[in-house]
Amino acid sequence: MTATKAACDRLILLDGATGSGKSTVLEHARHHDSGRFGVVRKVTDRPRRLSDNDWEFEFRQEVPDDGDHVRWSSVGWQYALPTATIEGLLHAGRIPVVICTDPSVIALLREAYTVVVVYVYRPLTPDELERLLVLRGTVGPDAAARRLEHHAVVRDYAGRIAEIDAVLLNIGTTADLTDQFDQVARALTVPGRSVDQAAPMPYQRRGARDVGDAEADQLVE
């Protein structure tokens, strides 16, 4: 996979455990500043979940396995990112944004693009996680994998901390979370500025408060 020179040189990858708020951030980028950001639609052969969006996923019987896609597997299902979409957004001067939590895929994308990994963190109790899985219609092996993922989230984050450029703390309102993304995006996507110069520190908006049940339902992946 080889990238060509483009008007924009940044690719934002949203990382984090299930239910951390990645899709909330992705939808914010899509609607809030669509002229600057562009969502990269993933191809997958997994069944559609209740919370899935057509602008985030393309569901197919078979996932392409060719030089035009970056492909990987998760919990028995196949996923792929179309490189043509990434290249098209970059050449149009827009910043591609996609949810990607697979370390091997992130490493592969880093070989071709200037990647900014933004990790979204939201602490969930076991009960909150179970409620979220039910709301999303996540069952069977997929649900079991998500439970294990949360059990090991701190350990996995510690092992990958050197690969993460910024952290969003999803411990307040939706506005708190998206405000963090806006600030991080401004700091990390200045053309010609290296990621190392951007001071990738976790950010928490002053005045953040605990999330009630109604708001918590909005802060899902």
N, C-alpha and C. Protein backbone atom coordinates (compact mmCIF):
# COMPACT_ATOMS: atom_id res chain seq x y z
N MET A 1 0.85 -1.19 0.00
CA MET A 1 0.00 0.00 0.00
C MET A 1 0.89 1.23 0.00
N THR A 2 0.75 2.07 -1.04
CA THR A 2 1.57 3.25 -1.17
C THR A 2 0.69 4.47 -1.37
N ALA A 3 0.88 5.49 -0.56
CA ALA A 3 0.10 6.71 -0.69
C ALA A 3 0.83 7.70 -1.58
N THR A 4 0.08 8.50 -2.33
CA THR A 4 0.66 9.53 -3.16
C THR A 4 0.53 10.87 -2.45
N LYS A 5 1.31 11.86 -2.89
CA LYS A 5 1.29 13.17 -2.24
C LYS A 5 -0.09 13.80 -2.39
N ALA A 6 -0.63 14.34 -1.31
CA ALA A 6 -1.97 14.89 -1.31
C ALA A 6 -2.00 16.27 -0.69
N ALA A 7 -3.14 16.96 -0.87
CA ALA A 7 -3.29 18.29 -0.31
C ALA A 7 -3.32 18.26 1.20
N CYS A 8 -3.83 17.20 1.78
CA CYS A 8 -3.87 17.02 3.23
C CYS A 8 -3.01 15.80 3.57
N ASP A 9 -2.37 15.81 4.73
CA ASP A 9 -1.45 14.72 5.04
C ASP A 9 -1.77 14.02 6.36
N ARG A 10 -3.01 14.11 6.82
CA ARG A 10 -3.37 13.50 8.09
C ARG A 10 -4.52 12.51 7.93
N LEU A 11 -4.43 11.41 8.67
CA LEU A 11 -5.50 10.42 8.76
C LEU A 11 -5.76 10.20 10.24
N ILE A 12 -6.99 10.46 10.70
CA ILE A 12 -7.33 10.30 12.12
C ILE A 12 -7.99 8.94 12.33
N LEU A 13 -7.42 8.15 13.25
CA LEU A 13 -7.99 6.87 13.63
C LEU A 13 -8.54 6.97 15.04
N LEU A 14 -9.80 6.63 15.22
CA LEU A 14 -10.42 6.62 16.54
C LEU A 14 -10.31 5.23 17.14
N ASP A 15 -9.69 5.14 18.29
CA ASP A 15 -9.44 3.87 18.96
C ASP A 15 -10.15 3.89 20.31
N GLY A 16 -10.31 2.71 20.91
CA GLY A 16 -10.94 2.63 22.23
C GLY A 16 -11.85 1.42 22.32
N ALA A 17 -12.24 1.08 23.53
CA ALA A 17 -13.07 -0.10 23.76
C ALA A 17 -14.50 0.13 23.32
N THR A 18 -15.26 -0.94 23.23
CA THR A 18 -16.68 -0.87 22.89
C THR A 18 -17.42 0.04 23.85
N GLY A 19 -18.25 0.94 23.31
CA GLY A 19 -19.03 1.83 24.14
C GLY A 19 -18.29 3.05 24.65
N SER A 20 -17.07 3.25 24.20
CA SER A 20 -16.29 4.39 24.72
C SER A 20 -16.78 5.72 24.17
N GLY A 21 -17.44 5.70 23.02
CA GLY A 21 -17.92 6.95 22.42
C GLY A 21 -17.31 7.24 21.07
N LYS A 22 -16.68 6.24 20.44
CA LYS A 22 -16.01 6.47 19.16
C LYS A 22 -16.99 6.90 18.06
N SER A 23 -18.14 6.23 17.99
CA SER A 23 -19.11 6.58 16.95
C SER A 23 -19.73 7.95 17.20
N THR A 24 -19.85 8.34 18.46
CA THR A 24 -20.33 9.68 18.78
C THR A 24 -19.37 10.72 18.23
N VAL A 25 -18.07 10.50 18.42
CA VAL A 25 -17.06 11.41 17.90
C VAL A 25 -17.06 11.39 16.37
N LEU A 26 -17.18 10.20 15.79
CA LEU A 26 -17.18 10.07 14.33
C LEU A 26 -18.35 10.83 13.72
N GLU A 27 -19.52 10.69 14.30
CA GLU A 27 -20.70 11.38 13.78
C GLU A 27 -20.56 12.89 13.95
N HIS A 28 -19.94 13.31 15.04
CA HIS A 28 -19.68 14.74 15.24
C HIS A 28 -18.79 15.29 14.13
N ALA A 29 -17.71 14.57 13.82
CA ALA A 29 -16.80 15.01 12.76
C ALA A 29 -17.54 15.07 11.42
N ARG A 30 -18.41 14.13 11.20
CA ARG A 30 -19.17 14.05 9.93
C ARG A 30 -20.12 15.23 9.78
N HIS A 31 -20.81 15.61 10.84
CA HIS A 31 -21.82 16.66 10.74
C HIS A 31 -21.28 18.05 11.06
N HIS A 32 -20.39 18.13 12.05
CA HIS A 32 -19.96 19.44 12.55
C HIS A 32 -19.08 20.18 11.55
N ASP A 33 -18.21 19.47 10.88
CA ASP A 33 -17.28 20.13 9.94
C ASP A 33 -17.04 19.20 8.76
N SER A 34 -18.11 18.94 8.00
CA SER A 34 -18.02 17.98 6.89
C SER A 34 -17.11 18.48 5.77
N GLY A 35 -16.89 19.79 5.71
CA GLY A 35 -15.99 20.31 4.70
C GLY A 35 -14.53 20.04 5.02
N ARG A 36 -14.25 19.76 6.30
CA ARG A 36 -12.88 19.49 6.71
C ARG A 36 -12.61 18.01 6.90
N PHE A 37 -13.60 17.28 7.44
CA PHE A 37 -13.44 15.86 7.72
C PHE A 37 -14.29 15.02 6.76
N GLY A 38 -13.86 13.78 6.58
CA GLY A 38 -14.64 12.83 5.80
C GLY A 38 -14.56 11.46 6.44
N VAL A 39 -15.71 10.81 6.62
CA VAL A 39 -15.74 9.48 7.22
C VAL A 39 -15.39 8.43 6.17
N VAL A 40 -14.49 7.54 6.54
CA VAL A 40 -14.13 6.41 5.66
C VAL A 40 -15.04 5.24 6.02
N ARG A 41 -15.86 4.84 5.08
CA ARG A 41 -16.84 3.79 5.31
C ARG A 41 -16.17 2.42 5.25
N LYS A 42 -16.36 1.62 6.30
CA LYS A 42 -15.76 0.29 6.36
C LYS A 42 -16.67 -0.74 5.69
N VAL A 43 -16.04 -1.69 5.00
CA VAL A 43 -16.77 -2.82 4.42
C VAL A 43 -16.69 -3.99 5.40
N THR A 44 -17.79 -4.69 5.62
CA THR A 44 -17.78 -5.83 6.54
C THR A 44 -18.80 -6.87 6.11
N ASP A 45 -18.55 -8.11 6.54
CA ASP A 45 -19.50 -9.19 6.27
C ASP A 45 -20.26 -9.59 7.54
N ARG A 46 -20.07 -8.86 8.62
CA ARG A 46 -20.79 -9.22 9.85
C ARG A 46 -22.24 -8.77 9.76
N PRO A 47 -23.13 -9.37 10.57
CA PRO A 47 -24.53 -8.95 10.57
C PRO A 47 -24.66 -7.51 11.07
N ARG A 48 -25.66 -6.86 10.55
CA ARG A 48 -25.95 -5.49 10.98
C ARG A 48 -26.44 -5.48 12.43
N ARG A 49 -25.93 -4.52 13.23
CA ARG A 49 -26.40 -4.33 14.59
C ARG A 49 -27.44 -3.22 14.63
N LEU A 50 -28.17 -3.16 15.73
CA LEU A 50 -29.23 -2.17 15.87
C LEU A 50 -28.69 -0.75 15.77
N SER A 51 -27.45 -0.54 16.22
CA SER A 51 -26.89 0.81 16.27
C SER A 51 -26.06 1.17 15.04
N ASP A 52 -25.98 0.29 14.04
CA ASP A 52 -25.14 0.54 12.87
C ASP A 52 -25.72 1.63 11.97
N ASN A 53 -24.81 2.38 11.34
CA ASN A 53 -25.19 3.44 10.40
C ASN A 53 -24.69 3.10 9.01
N ASP A 54 -25.49 3.42 7.98
CA ASP A 54 -25.08 3.15 6.61
C ASP A 54 -23.90 4.02 6.18
N TRP A 55 -23.75 5.19 6.83
CA TRP A 55 -22.63 6.05 6.46
C TRP A 55 -21.32 5.58 7.09
N GLU A 56 -21.41 4.63 8.04
CA GLU A 56 -20.21 4.13 8.70
C GLU A 56 -19.80 2.75 8.18
N PHE A 57 -20.79 1.94 7.74
CA PHE A 57 -20.51 0.58 7.28
C PHE A 57 -21.17 0.31 5.94
N GLU A 58 -20.50 -0.53 5.17
CA GLU A 58 -21.09 -1.10 3.96
C GLU A 58 -21.13 -2.60 4.16
N PHE A 59 -22.31 -3.19 4.19
CA PHE A 59 -22.46 -4.62 4.48
C PHE A 59 -22.49 -5.41 3.18
N ARG A 60 -21.60 -6.41 3.11
CA ARG A 60 -21.53 -7.27 1.92
C ARG A 60 -21.44 -8.73 2.33
N GLN A 61 -21.76 -9.60 1.39
CA GLN A 61 -21.61 -11.04 1.63
C GLN A 61 -20.14 -11.41 1.70
N GLU A 62 -19.32 -10.75 0.87
CA GLU A 62 -17.87 -11.00 0.84
C GLU A 62 -17.13 -9.68 0.93
N VAL A 63 -16.06 -9.67 1.70
CA VAL A 63 -15.24 -8.47 1.86
C VAL A 63 -14.07 -8.54 0.88
N PRO A 64 -13.81 -7.49 0.13
CA PRO A 64 -12.72 -7.51 -0.86
C PRO A 64 -11.37 -7.84 -0.23
N ASP A 65 -10.60 -8.62 -0.94
CA ASP A 65 -9.25 -8.97 -0.51
C ASP A 65 -8.32 -8.66 -1.66
N ASP A 66 -7.99 -7.39 -1.83
CA ASP A 66 -7.17 -6.95 -2.95
C ASP A 66 -6.30 -5.78 -2.53
N GLY A 67 -5.53 -5.26 -3.47
CA GLY A 67 -4.63 -4.17 -3.17
C GLY A 67 -5.31 -2.84 -2.95
N ASP A 68 -6.62 -2.78 -3.18
CA ASP A 68 -7.36 -1.53 -3.01
C ASP A 68 -8.03 -1.42 -1.65
N HIS A 69 -7.82 -2.41 -0.79
CA HIS A 69 -8.42 -2.41 0.54
C HIS A 69 -7.41 -2.88 1.58
N VAL A 70 -7.52 -2.33 2.77
CA VAL A 70 -6.78 -2.84 3.93
C VAL A 70 -7.76 -3.72 4.69
N ARG A 71 -7.45 -5.00 4.79
CA ARG A 71 -8.41 -5.96 5.33
C ARG A 71 -7.89 -6.59 6.62
N TRP A 72 -8.83 -6.89 7.53
CA TRP A 72 -8.49 -7.58 8.77
C TRP A 72 -9.71 -8.35 9.27
N SER A 73 -9.52 -9.18 10.29
CA SER A 73 -10.62 -9.94 10.86
C SER A 73 -10.75 -9.62 12.34
N SER A 74 -11.98 -9.74 12.86
CA SER A 74 -12.26 -9.51 14.27
C SER A 74 -13.45 -10.36 14.67
N VAL A 75 -13.24 -11.22 15.66
CA VAL A 75 -14.28 -12.11 16.19
C VAL A 75 -14.95 -12.90 15.06
N GLY A 76 -14.15 -13.34 14.11
CA GLY A 76 -14.67 -14.18 13.03
C GLY A 76 -15.25 -13.43 11.85
N TRP A 77 -15.36 -12.11 11.93
CA TRP A 77 -15.90 -11.32 10.83
C TRP A 77 -14.78 -10.56 10.13
N GLN A 78 -14.99 -10.26 8.85
CA GLN A 78 -14.00 -9.56 8.04
C GLN A 78 -14.36 -8.08 7.90
N TYR A 79 -13.33 -7.25 7.90
CA TYR A 79 -13.49 -5.82 7.70
C TYR A 79 -12.47 -5.34 6.68
N ALA A 80 -12.76 -4.22 6.02
CA ALA A 80 -11.81 -3.67 5.06
C ALA A 80 -12.02 -2.17 4.93
N LEU A 81 -10.92 -1.45 4.73
CA LEU A 81 -10.95 -0.02 4.46
C LEU A 81 -10.57 0.22 3.01
N PRO A 82 -11.39 0.92 2.24
CA PRO A 82 -11.04 1.22 0.84
C PRO A 82 -10.00 2.34 0.77
N THR A 83 -8.83 2.04 0.27
CA THR A 83 -7.77 3.06 0.21
C THR A 83 -8.13 4.18 -0.77
N ALA A 84 -8.98 3.89 -1.76
CA ALA A 84 -9.37 4.93 -2.72
C ALA A 84 -10.14 6.04 -2.01
N THR A 85 -10.96 5.68 -1.02
CA THR A 85 -11.70 6.69 -0.26
C THR A 85 -10.75 7.56 0.54
N ILE A 86 -9.76 6.92 1.18
CA ILE A 86 -8.77 7.68 1.96
C ILE A 86 -8.01 8.64 1.04
N GLU A 87 -7.53 8.12 -0.09
CA GLU A 87 -6.76 8.94 -1.02
C GLU A 87 -7.60 10.08 -1.58
N GLY A 88 -8.87 9.79 -1.90
CA GLY A 88 -9.73 10.83 -2.46
C GLY A 88 -9.95 11.97 -1.49
N LEU A 89 -10.18 11.65 -0.22
CA LEU A 89 -10.36 12.69 0.78
C LEU A 89 -9.09 13.52 0.97
N LEU A 90 -7.95 12.83 1.04
CA LEU A 90 -6.68 13.54 1.23
C LEU A 90 -6.40 14.49 0.07
N HIS A 91 -6.62 14.05 -1.15
CA HIS A 91 -6.35 14.90 -2.31
C HIS A 91 -7.34 16.06 -2.41
N ALA A 92 -8.50 15.90 -1.79
CA ALA A 92 -9.48 16.99 -1.76
C ALA A 92 -9.21 17.96 -0.62
N GLY A 93 -8.15 17.69 0.16
CA GLY A 93 -7.80 18.56 1.27
C GLY A 93 -8.61 18.31 2.52
N ARG A 94 -9.28 17.17 2.58
CA ARG A 94 -10.08 16.83 3.76
C ARG A 94 -9.35 15.77 4.59
N ILE A 95 -9.70 15.69 5.87
CA ILE A 95 -9.04 14.75 6.78
C ILE A 95 -9.91 13.51 6.93
N PRO A 96 -9.42 12.34 6.49
CA PRO A 96 -10.20 11.11 6.68
C PRO A 96 -10.23 10.73 8.16
N VAL A 97 -11.41 10.30 8.62
CA VAL A 97 -11.57 9.85 10.00
C VAL A 97 -12.25 8.49 9.95
N VAL A 98 -11.71 7.55 10.72
CA VAL A 98 -12.28 6.20 10.73
C VAL A 98 -12.04 5.57 12.09
N ILE A 99 -12.95 4.70 12.51
CA ILE A 99 -12.75 3.93 13.73
C ILE A 99 -11.89 2.72 13.38
N CYS A 100 -10.79 2.57 14.08
CA CYS A 100 -9.89 1.44 13.84
C CYS A 100 -9.21 1.09 15.16
N THR A 101 -9.46 -0.13 15.65
CA THR A 101 -8.93 -0.53 16.95
C THR A 101 -7.94 -1.68 16.85
N ASP A 102 -7.64 -2.13 15.64
CA ASP A 102 -6.72 -3.26 15.45
C ASP A 102 -5.28 -2.74 15.35
N PRO A 103 -4.41 -3.09 16.29
CA PRO A 103 -3.03 -2.57 16.28
C PRO A 103 -2.28 -2.87 14.99
N SER A 104 -2.50 -4.06 14.41
CA SER A 104 -1.76 -4.41 13.19
C SER A 104 -2.21 -3.55 12.01
N VAL A 105 -3.49 -3.22 11.96
CA VAL A 105 -4.00 -2.36 10.88
C VAL A 105 -3.49 -0.93 11.06
N ILE A 106 -3.49 -0.47 12.31
CA ILE A 106 -2.96 0.87 12.59
C ILE A 106 -1.50 0.96 12.15
N ALA A 107 -0.72 -0.08 12.46
CA ALA A 107 0.69 -0.10 12.07
C ALA A 107 0.83 -0.07 10.55
N LEU A 108 -0.02 -0.81 9.84
CA LEU A 108 0.03 -0.83 8.38
C LEU A 108 -0.32 0.53 7.80
N LEU A 109 -1.32 1.17 8.34
CA LEU A 109 -1.71 2.49 7.85
C LEU A 109 -0.62 3.52 8.12
N ARG A 110 0.10 3.36 9.23
CA ARG A 110 1.20 4.29 9.54
C ARG A 110 2.31 4.21 8.49
N GLU A 111 2.45 3.07 7.84
CA GLU A 111 3.48 2.93 6.81
C GLU A 111 3.17 3.79 5.58
N ALA A 112 1.89 4.07 5.36
CA ALA A 112 1.50 4.79 4.15
C ALA A 112 1.04 6.22 4.40
N TYR A 113 0.60 6.52 5.62
CA TYR A 113 0.03 7.83 5.91
C TYR A 113 0.58 8.40 7.21
N THR A 114 0.39 9.71 7.39
CA THR A 114 0.66 10.34 8.68
C THR A 114 -0.58 10.12 9.53
N VAL A 115 -0.50 9.18 10.43
CA VAL A 115 -1.65 8.74 11.20
C VAL A 115 -1.68 9.41 12.57
N VAL A 116 -2.85 9.87 12.97
CA VAL A 116 -3.08 10.41 14.31
C VAL A 116 -4.06 9.47 15.01
N VAL A 117 -3.60 8.79 16.04
CA VAL A 117 -4.45 7.87 16.79
C VAL A 117 -5.05 8.61 17.99
N VAL A 118 -6.36 8.71 18.01
CA VAL A 118 -7.08 9.38 19.09
C VAL A 118 -7.84 8.30 19.87
N TYR A 119 -7.45 8.10 21.10
CA TYR A 119 -8.04 7.04 21.94
C TYR A 119 -9.17 7.64 22.78
N VAL A 120 -10.35 7.03 22.69
CA VAL A 120 -11.51 7.49 23.44
C VAL A 120 -11.70 6.56 24.64
N TYR A 121 -11.72 7.15 25.83
CA TYR A 121 -11.85 6.35 27.05
C TYR A 121 -13.11 6.72 27.81
N ARG A 122 -13.88 5.71 28.14
CA ARG A 122 -15.06 5.89 28.99
C ARG A 122 -15.13 4.73 29.97
N PRO A 123 -15.08 4.98 31.27
CA PRO A 123 -15.19 3.90 32.25
C PRO A 123 -16.62 3.36 32.28
N LEU A 124 -16.76 2.05 32.17
CA LEU A 124 -18.07 1.41 32.21
C LEU A 124 -18.08 0.34 33.29
N THR A 125 -19.11 0.30 34.09
CA THR A 125 -19.28 -0.79 35.04
C THR A 125 -19.77 -2.02 34.26
N PRO A 126 -19.64 -3.22 34.82
CA PRO A 126 -20.15 -4.41 34.14
C PRO A 126 -21.63 -4.29 33.77
N ASP A 127 -22.43 -3.71 34.65
CA ASP A 127 -23.85 -3.55 34.37
C ASP A 127 -24.08 -2.59 33.20
N GLU A 128 -23.32 -1.51 33.16
CA GLU A 128 -23.45 -0.56 32.06
C GLU A 128 -23.06 -1.20 30.73
N LEU A 129 -22.01 -2.02 30.76
CA LEU A 129 -21.58 -2.70 29.54
C LEU A 129 -22.65 -3.66 29.06
N GLU A 130 -23.24 -4.43 29.98
CA GLU A 130 -24.28 -5.38 29.59
C GLU A 130 -25.49 -4.66 28.98
N ARG A 131 -25.86 -3.55 29.58
CA ARG A 131 -26.99 -2.78 29.04
C ARG A 131 -26.68 -2.27 27.64
N LEU A 132 -25.46 -1.82 27.43
CA LEU A 132 -25.05 -1.31 26.13
C LEU A 132 -25.07 -2.43 25.08
N LEU A 133 -24.57 -3.62 25.45
CA LEU A 133 -24.56 -4.73 24.51
C LEU A 133 -25.98 -5.11 24.10
N VAL A 134 -26.91 -5.08 25.05
CA VAL A 134 -28.30 -5.39 24.74
C VAL A 134 -28.88 -4.34 23.80
N LEU A 135 -28.62 -3.06 24.07
CA LEU A 135 -29.14 -1.99 23.23
C LEU A 135 -28.62 -2.09 21.80
N ARG A 136 -27.39 -2.55 21.66
CA ARG A 136 -26.79 -2.66 20.33
C ARG A 136 -27.11 -3.97 19.64
N GLY A 137 -27.70 -4.91 20.36
CA GLY A 137 -27.99 -6.20 19.77
C GLY A 137 -26.75 -7.06 19.59
N THR A 138 -25.74 -6.85 20.43
CA THR A 138 -24.51 -7.62 20.35
C THR A 138 -24.65 -8.88 21.20
N VAL A 139 -24.56 -10.05 20.55
CA VAL A 139 -24.78 -11.32 21.25
C VAL A 139 -23.68 -12.32 20.89
N GLY A 140 -23.71 -13.48 21.58
CA GLY A 140 -22.83 -14.60 21.24
C GLY A 140 -21.35 -14.30 21.43
N PRO A 141 -20.50 -14.85 20.55
CA PRO A 141 -19.05 -14.66 20.67
C PRO A 141 -18.63 -13.19 20.62
N ASP A 142 -19.36 -12.40 19.85
CA ASP A 142 -19.04 -10.98 19.75
C ASP A 142 -19.21 -10.30 21.10
N ALA A 143 -20.30 -10.61 21.81
CA ALA A 143 -20.53 -10.02 23.13
C ALA A 143 -19.48 -10.50 24.13
N ALA A 144 -19.12 -11.78 24.05
CA ALA A 144 -18.09 -12.32 24.95
C ALA A 144 -16.75 -11.61 24.73
N ALA A 145 -16.44 -11.33 23.47
CA ALA A 145 -15.19 -10.64 23.15
C ALA A 145 -15.20 -9.23 23.71
N ARG A 146 -16.35 -8.55 23.67
CA ARG A 146 -16.45 -7.19 24.20
C ARG A 146 -16.28 -7.17 25.71
N ARG A 147 -16.78 -8.20 26.39
CA ARG A 147 -16.61 -8.27 27.85
C ARG A 147 -15.12 -8.44 28.19
N LEU A 148 -14.44 -9.32 27.46
CA LEU A 148 -13.00 -9.52 27.69
C LEU A 148 -12.23 -8.25 27.38
N GLU A 149 -12.65 -7.55 26.34
CA GLU A 149 -12.00 -6.31 25.95
C GLU A 149 -12.03 -5.30 27.09
N HIS A 150 -13.18 -5.16 27.73
CA HIS A 150 -13.29 -4.20 28.83
C HIS A 150 -12.53 -4.67 30.06
N HIS A 151 -12.50 -5.96 30.28
CA HIS A 151 -11.77 -6.49 31.43
C HIS A 151 -10.28 -6.16 31.33
N ALA A 152 -9.77 -6.10 30.09
CA ALA A 152 -8.33 -5.90 29.88
C ALA A 152 -8.00 -4.50 29.36
N VAL A 153 -8.98 -3.58 29.40
CA VAL A 153 -8.78 -2.30 28.73
C VAL A 153 -7.59 -1.51 29.29
N VAL A 154 -7.41 -1.49 30.61
CA VAL A 154 -6.30 -0.72 31.19
C VAL A 154 -4.96 -1.35 30.81
N ARG A 155 -4.89 -2.68 30.89
CA ARG A 155 -3.64 -3.36 30.53
C ARG A 155 -3.31 -3.14 29.05
N ASP A 156 -4.31 -3.27 28.18
CA ASP A 156 -4.06 -3.09 26.75
C ASP A 156 -3.67 -1.66 26.42
N TYR A 157 -4.31 -0.70 27.09
CA TYR A 157 -3.96 0.70 26.86
C TYR A 157 -2.52 0.97 27.28
N ALA A 158 -2.13 0.43 28.43
CA ALA A 158 -0.76 0.64 28.92
C ALA A 158 0.26 0.06 27.94
N GLY A 159 -0.08 -1.08 27.34
CA GLY A 159 0.84 -1.71 26.40
C GLY A 159 0.97 -0.98 25.09
N ARG A 160 0.00 -0.12 24.78
CA ARG A 160 -0.01 0.57 23.49
C ARG A 160 0.13 2.08 23.63
N ILE A 161 0.44 2.55 24.81
CA ILE A 161 0.40 3.99 25.06
C ILE A 161 1.34 4.77 24.14
N ALA A 162 2.44 4.16 23.74
CA ALA A 162 3.39 4.85 22.87
C ALA A 162 2.83 5.08 21.47
N GLU A 163 1.79 4.33 21.09
CA GLU A 163 1.21 4.45 19.76
C GLU A 163 0.08 5.47 19.71
N ILE A 164 -0.35 5.97 20.87
CA ILE A 164 -1.51 6.85 20.96
C ILE A 164 -1.07 8.31 21.00
N ASP A 165 -1.70 9.13 20.15
CA ASP A 165 -1.31 10.53 20.04
C ASP A 165 -2.12 11.44 20.95
N ALA A 166 -3.34 11.07 21.26
CA ALA A 166 -4.19 11.90 22.14
C ALA A 166 -5.27 11.02 22.75
N VAL A 167 -5.77 11.44 23.90
CA VAL A 167 -6.82 10.71 24.61
C VAL A 167 -8.00 11.65 24.86
N LEU A 168 -9.21 11.17 24.56
CA LEU A 168 -10.43 11.89 24.88
C LEU A 168 -11.07 11.20 26.08
N LEU A 169 -11.41 11.97 27.10
CA LEU A 169 -12.03 11.41 28.30
C LEU A 169 -13.54 11.56 28.22
N ASN A 170 -14.23 10.47 28.04
CA ASN A 170 -15.69 10.49 27.93
C ASN A 170 -16.29 10.29 29.33
N ILE A 171 -16.19 11.34 30.14
CA ILE A 171 -16.66 11.27 31.52
C ILE A 171 -17.59 12.42 31.85
N GLY A 172 -18.06 13.10 30.82
CA GLY A 172 -18.98 14.21 31.02
C GLY A 172 -20.12 14.14 30.02
N THR A 173 -20.50 15.26 29.46
CA THR A 173 -21.58 15.32 28.49
C THR A 173 -21.05 15.04 27.08
N THR A 174 -21.99 14.87 26.15
CA THR A 174 -21.59 14.70 24.75
C THR A 174 -20.82 15.92 24.27
N ALA A 175 -21.26 17.11 24.68
CA ALA A 175 -20.56 18.33 24.28
C ALA A 175 -19.14 18.37 24.82
N ASP A 176 -18.93 17.86 26.03
CA ASP A 176 -17.57 17.79 26.59
C ASP A 176 -16.69 16.92 25.70
N LEU A 177 -17.24 15.77 25.29
CA LEU A 177 -16.46 14.83 24.48
C LEU A 177 -16.12 15.42 23.11
N THR A 178 -17.11 15.98 22.42
CA THR A 178 -16.85 16.50 21.08
C THR A 178 -15.98 17.75 21.12
N ASP A 179 -16.07 18.52 22.21
CA ASP A 179 -15.20 19.69 22.36
C ASP A 179 -13.74 19.25 22.45
N GLN A 180 -13.50 18.15 23.15
CA GLN A 180 -12.14 17.62 23.22
C GLN A 180 -11.63 17.24 21.84
N PHE A 181 -12.48 16.56 21.07
CA PHE A 181 -12.06 16.17 19.72
C PHE A 181 -11.71 17.39 18.88
N ASP A 182 -12.53 18.43 18.95
CA ASP A 182 -12.26 19.64 18.17
C ASP A 182 -10.91 20.24 18.53
N GLN A 183 -10.60 20.28 19.83
CA GLN A 183 -9.32 20.85 20.26
C GLN A 183 -8.14 19.98 19.83
N VAL A 184 -8.30 18.67 19.98
CA VAL A 184 -7.23 17.76 19.58
C VAL A 184 -7.02 17.81 18.07
N ALA A 185 -8.13 17.83 17.30
CA ALA A 185 -8.02 17.88 15.84
C ALA A 185 -7.30 19.14 15.39
N ARG A 186 -7.61 20.26 16.03
CA ARG A 186 -6.92 21.50 15.67
C ARG A 186 -5.43 21.41 15.96
N ALA A 187 -5.08 20.82 17.10
CA ALA A 187 -3.67 20.74 17.50
C ALA A 187 -2.88 19.74 16.67
N LEU A 188 -3.51 18.65 16.29
CA LEU A 188 -2.79 17.56 15.64
C LEU A 188 -2.85 17.55 14.12
N THR A 189 -3.64 18.44 13.54
CA THR A 189 -3.81 18.39 12.09
C THR A 189 -3.38 19.67 11.40
N VAL A 190 -2.47 20.42 12.02
CA VAL A 190 -1.91 21.59 11.36
C VAL A 190 -1.00 21.12 10.25
N PRO A 191 -1.25 21.51 8.97
CA PRO A 191 -0.41 21.04 7.86
C PRO A 191 1.07 21.31 8.10
N GLY A 192 1.88 20.30 7.88
CA GLY A 192 3.32 20.44 8.02
C GLY A 192 3.82 20.29 9.44
N ARG A 193 2.92 20.17 10.39
CA ARG A 193 3.32 20.04 11.79
C ARG A 193 3.41 18.56 12.15
N SER A 194 4.48 18.16 12.78
CA SER A 194 4.63 16.76 13.14
C SER A 194 3.75 16.43 14.33
N VAL A 195 3.38 15.15 14.44
CA VAL A 195 2.55 14.72 15.56
C VAL A 195 3.27 14.96 16.88
N ASP A 196 4.58 14.80 16.88
CA ASP A 196 5.35 14.96 18.11
C ASP A 196 5.29 16.39 18.66
N GLN A 197 4.99 17.36 17.80
CA GLN A 197 4.96 18.76 18.22
C GLN A 197 3.62 19.16 18.83
N ALA A 198 2.65 18.25 18.83
CA ALA A 198 1.28 18.65 19.15
C ALA A 198 0.90 18.49 20.60
N ALA A 199 1.82 18.08 21.48
CA ALA A 199 1.52 17.93 22.90
C ALA A 199 0.27 17.10 23.13
N PRO A 200 0.32 15.78 22.81
CA PRO A 200 -0.88 14.94 22.89
C PRO A 200 -1.26 14.58 24.33
N MET A 201 -1.87 15.52 25.03
CA MET A 201 -2.24 15.29 26.41
C MET A 201 -3.74 15.03 26.53
N PRO A 202 -4.15 14.16 27.44
CA PRO A 202 -5.58 13.99 27.69
C PRO A 202 -6.18 15.32 28.11
N TYR A 203 -7.42 15.52 27.73
CA TYR A 203 -8.07 16.80 28.01
C TYR A 203 -9.42 16.56 28.66
N GLN A 204 -9.72 17.31 29.70
CA GLN A 204 -11.04 17.26 30.32
C GLN A 204 -11.57 18.67 30.47
N ARG A 205 -12.73 18.92 29.90
CA ARG A 205 -13.32 20.24 29.99
C ARG A 205 -13.70 20.54 31.43
N ARG A 206 -13.43 21.74 31.89
CA ARG A 206 -13.80 22.13 33.24
C ARG A 206 -15.31 22.11 33.38
N GLY A 207 -15.77 21.63 34.51
CA GLY A 207 -17.20 21.59 34.74
C GLY A 207 -17.84 20.30 34.30
N ALA A 208 -17.05 19.33 33.84
CA ALA A 208 -17.62 18.05 33.43
C ALA A 208 -18.30 17.40 34.63
N ARG A 209 -19.41 16.72 34.36
CA ARG A 209 -20.16 16.11 35.46
C ARG A 209 -20.47 14.66 35.11
N ASP A 210 -20.98 13.93 36.08
CA ASP A 210 -21.36 12.56 35.85
C ASP A 210 -22.53 12.53 34.87
N VAL A 211 -22.58 11.45 34.07
CA VAL A 211 -23.60 11.33 33.05
C VAL A 211 -24.79 10.57 33.60
N GLY A 212 -25.98 11.10 33.42
CA GLY A 212 -27.20 10.41 33.81
C GLY A 212 -27.56 9.35 32.79
N ASP A 213 -28.58 8.53 33.10
CA ASP A 213 -28.95 7.43 32.21
C ASP A 213 -29.31 7.90 30.82
N ALA A 214 -30.07 8.98 30.70
CA ALA A 214 -30.51 9.43 29.39
C ALA A 214 -29.34 9.86 28.54
N GLU A 215 -28.39 10.59 29.16
CA GLU A 215 -27.23 11.03 28.41
C GLU A 215 -26.28 9.88 28.13
N ALA A 216 -26.17 8.96 29.06
CA ALA A 216 -25.25 7.83 28.89
C ALA A 216 -25.63 7.03 27.67
N ASP A 217 -26.92 6.93 27.37
CA ASP A 217 -27.36 6.18 26.19
C ASP A 217 -26.87 6.83 24.91
N GLN A 218 -26.57 8.13 24.94
CA GLN A 218 -26.09 8.80 23.75
C GLN A 218 -24.59 8.56 23.54
N LEU A 219 -23.88 8.23 24.60
CA LEU A 219 -22.42 8.14 24.51
C LEU A 219 -22.01 6.69 24.28
N VAL A 220 -22.46 6.13 23.16
CA VAL A 220 -22.11 4.77 22.82
C VAL A 220 -21.25 4.77 21.59
N GLU A 221 -20.55 3.66 21.39
CA GLU A 221 -19.65 3.59 20.23
C GLU A 221 -20.42 3.71 18.94
